[in-house]
Amino acid sequence: MARAKKKNPSCEDCYFRQKMLCALELEEPCGTFRESRPEGLVPPRQPMLLLRPPRWADRV
């Protein structure tokens, strides 16, 4: 089964633009772009937290 191509995001797809909260007039999405979804504003995914051994562990 073929995957559907993901459409490049545009300012018109942005939550802030659709709620008239954006004051920028750019040709492409800015750094604060958030996709407009039916459930509202969704925070960006956070990177996974990787635990490292304590620094003192290698001194023993």
N, C-alpha and C. Protein backbone atom coordinates (compact mmCIF):
# COMPACT_ATOMS: atom_id res chain seq x y z
N MET A 1 0.84 -1.17 0.00
CA MET A 1 0.00 0.00 0.00
C MET A 1 0.89 1.25 0.00
N ALA A 2 0.63 2.18 -0.86
CA ALA A 2 1.44 3.39 -0.97
C ALA A 2 1.08 4.38 0.12
N ARG A 3 2.11 5.03 0.61
CA ARG A 3 1.88 6.07 1.62
C ARG A 3 1.41 7.35 0.93
N ALA A 4 0.54 8.04 1.59
CA ALA A 4 0.08 9.32 1.06
C ALA A 4 1.18 10.35 1.27
N LYS A 5 1.41 11.15 0.25
CA LYS A 5 2.43 12.19 0.39
C LYS A 5 1.94 13.25 1.34
N LYS A 6 2.82 13.67 2.23
CA LYS A 6 2.48 14.71 3.18
C LYS A 6 2.62 16.06 2.49
N LYS A 7 1.57 16.85 2.58
CA LYS A 7 1.58 18.17 1.97
C LYS A 7 2.50 19.08 2.75
N ASN A 8 3.29 19.89 2.04
CA ASN A 8 4.14 20.85 2.72
C ASN A 8 3.28 21.83 3.49
N PRO A 9 3.66 22.14 4.74
CA PRO A 9 2.84 23.07 5.52
C PRO A 9 2.89 24.47 4.92
N SER A 10 1.80 25.17 5.04
CA SER A 10 1.74 26.56 4.59
C SER A 10 1.15 27.40 5.71
N CYS A 11 1.27 28.70 5.57
CA CYS A 11 0.71 29.59 6.60
C CYS A 11 -0.79 29.39 6.76
N GLU A 12 -1.46 29.03 5.68
CA GLU A 12 -2.91 28.83 5.74
C GLU A 12 -3.28 27.61 6.59
N ASP A 13 -2.33 26.69 6.82
CA ASP A 13 -2.57 25.51 7.64
C ASP A 13 -2.25 25.76 9.11
N CYS A 14 -1.75 26.93 9.43
CA CYS A 14 -1.29 27.24 10.78
C CYS A 14 -2.45 27.63 11.71
N TYR A 15 -2.39 27.12 12.93
CA TYR A 15 -3.40 27.43 13.95
C TYR A 15 -3.49 28.93 14.17
N PHE A 16 -2.35 29.58 14.32
CA PHE A 16 -2.33 31.01 14.62
C PHE A 16 -2.90 31.84 13.48
N ARG A 17 -2.64 31.44 12.24
CA ARG A 17 -3.18 32.17 11.08
C ARG A 17 -4.70 32.02 11.03
N GLN A 18 -5.19 30.80 11.25
CA GLN A 18 -6.63 30.55 11.16
C GLN A 18 -7.41 31.24 12.28
N LYS A 19 -6.77 31.43 13.44
CA LYS A 19 -7.43 32.11 14.56
C LYS A 19 -7.14 33.62 14.55
N MET A 20 -6.52 34.08 13.46
CA MET A 20 -6.15 35.50 13.28
C MET A 20 -5.27 36.01 14.41
N LEU A 21 -4.31 35.17 14.85
CA LEU A 21 -3.37 35.54 15.89
C LEU A 21 -1.98 35.83 15.33
N CYS A 22 -1.81 35.67 14.03
CA CYS A 22 -0.51 35.86 13.38
C CYS A 22 -0.43 37.26 12.78
N ALA A 23 0.68 37.94 13.06
CA ALA A 23 0.88 39.29 12.51
C ALA A 23 1.88 39.28 11.36
N LEU A 24 2.44 38.11 11.04
CA LEU A 24 3.45 38.02 10.00
C LEU A 24 2.82 37.79 8.64
N GLU A 25 3.46 38.33 7.62
CA GLU A 25 3.03 38.07 6.25
C GLU A 25 4.21 37.49 5.50
N LEU A 26 4.38 36.18 5.64
CA LEU A 26 5.50 35.48 5.02
C LEU A 26 5.01 34.56 3.93
N GLU A 27 5.93 34.16 3.06
CA GLU A 27 5.60 33.22 1.98
C GLU A 27 5.59 31.78 2.48
N GLU A 28 6.31 31.50 3.55
CA GLU A 28 6.41 30.14 4.08
C GLU A 28 6.19 30.16 5.58
N PRO A 29 5.91 29.00 6.18
CA PRO A 29 5.64 28.95 7.62
C PRO A 29 6.85 29.43 8.43
N CYS A 30 6.57 30.07 9.54
CA CYS A 30 7.64 30.57 10.42
C CYS A 30 7.97 29.52 11.49
N GLY A 31 8.86 29.87 12.39
CA GLY A 31 9.30 28.95 13.44
C GLY A 31 8.23 28.61 14.45
N THR A 32 7.18 29.42 14.54
CA THR A 32 6.11 29.15 15.51
C THR A 32 4.94 28.39 14.89
N PHE A 33 5.11 27.86 13.68
CA PHE A 33 4.04 27.14 12.99
C PHE A 33 3.52 25.99 13.84
N ARG A 34 2.20 25.93 14.01
CA ARG A 34 1.54 24.79 14.65
C ARG A 34 0.36 24.42 13.77
N GLU A 35 0.30 23.14 13.44
CA GLU A 35 -0.76 22.66 12.56
C GLU A 35 -2.12 22.87 13.22
N SER A 36 -3.06 23.37 12.45
CA SER A 36 -4.42 23.55 12.95
C SER A 36 -5.13 22.20 12.90
N ARG A 37 -5.62 21.76 14.05
CA ARG A 37 -6.30 20.46 14.14
C ARG A 37 -7.66 20.65 14.79
N PRO A 38 -8.56 19.70 14.58
CA PRO A 38 -9.89 19.81 15.19
C PRO A 38 -9.84 19.87 16.72
N GLU A 39 -8.86 19.21 17.33
CA GLU A 39 -8.76 19.22 18.80
C GLU A 39 -8.10 20.47 19.35
N GLY A 40 -7.69 21.37 18.49
CA GLY A 40 -7.11 22.64 18.93
C GLY A 40 -5.59 22.64 18.84
N LEU A 41 -5.00 23.51 19.62
CA LEU A 41 -3.55 23.68 19.62
C LEU A 41 -2.89 22.50 20.31
N VAL A 42 -1.99 21.83 19.61
CA VAL A 42 -1.29 20.66 20.13
C VAL A 42 0.18 21.03 20.31
N PRO A 43 0.76 20.81 21.50
CA PRO A 43 2.16 21.16 21.69
C PRO A 43 3.07 20.28 20.84
N PRO A 44 4.24 20.79 20.47
CA PRO A 44 5.16 19.99 19.66
C PRO A 44 5.67 18.80 20.47
N ARG A 45 6.05 17.74 19.79
CA ARG A 45 6.59 16.56 20.47
C ARG A 45 7.91 16.90 21.11
N GLN A 46 8.11 16.40 22.32
CA GLN A 46 9.36 16.62 23.03
C GLN A 46 10.34 15.51 22.68
N PRO A 47 11.63 15.82 22.62
CA PRO A 47 12.60 14.76 22.37
C PRO A 47 12.65 13.79 23.55
N MET A 48 13.05 12.57 23.26
CA MET A 48 13.12 11.55 24.29
C MET A 48 14.26 11.86 25.26
N LEU A 49 14.01 11.70 26.54
CA LEU A 49 15.01 11.96 27.56
C LEU A 49 15.89 10.72 27.71
N LEU A 50 17.18 10.89 27.49
CA LEU A 50 18.12 9.78 27.63
C LEU A 50 18.91 9.96 28.91
N LEU A 51 18.86 8.97 29.78
CA LEU A 51 19.58 9.03 31.04
C LEU A 51 21.01 8.56 30.85
N ARG A 52 21.94 9.32 31.41
CA ARG A 52 23.35 8.94 31.36
C ARG A 52 23.79 8.54 32.76
N PRO A 53 24.83 7.73 32.85
CA PRO A 53 25.32 7.40 34.20
C PRO A 53 25.90 8.65 34.85
N PRO A 54 25.87 8.73 36.18
CA PRO A 54 26.41 9.91 36.85
C PRO A 54 27.90 10.07 36.56
N ARG A 55 28.38 11.31 36.60
CA ARG A 55 29.79 11.58 36.28
C ARG A 55 30.74 10.91 37.27
N TRP A 56 30.32 10.79 38.51
CA TRP A 56 31.20 10.21 39.51
C TRP A 56 31.31 8.69 39.37
N ALA A 57 30.46 8.05 38.58
CA ALA A 57 30.45 6.59 38.46
C ALA A 57 31.75 6.06 37.87
N ASP A 58 32.41 6.81 37.00
CA ASP A 58 33.65 6.32 36.39
C ASP A 58 34.88 6.57 37.27
N ARG A 59 34.74 7.28 38.39
CA ARG A 59 35.86 7.58 39.29
C ARG A 59 36.09 6.49 40.33
N VAL A 60 35.17 5.56 40.46
CA VAL A 60 35.26 4.54 41.51
C VAL A 60 36.31 3.52 41.21
